[in-house]
């Protein structure tokens, strides 16, 4: 069974983060994406085969949500002027910026963008009679 710490390790490596200073913040995205995957797929436990999909989704969200954090900005080319996921676009920049307020829209778009990867795991349930 995959865990948040498995995903954190991949995210940290792929983003080239030198330390764990962003771990508490990124862990919130890891948890939310986990919930979104479970909700979309209608499953309670994520299979091991979704590890890299989960990590990639988190990386996409983090790059859009935290473009003004130097460690993240460096992963999109350093001088990125724009980061785009789906139809949501956020201007990049160096230090001195704050967090964006687009979390729900960005996360919804990321789930939508990864639906081809998630569709195989989706379980359909029929409505219960009342």
Foldseek 3Di string as FASTA:
>chain_A
DDDLVLLVVVLCVLLVPPDCPCVVVLSVLLVVLVVVLCVQQVHDDDDPVCSVVSSVLSLLLCLQFPQAEQSSVVSVPVQFQWRDQAPDIDGHDYHDDDTDPCNVVSSVSSCVVCCVVSVVSHDDDDDDDD
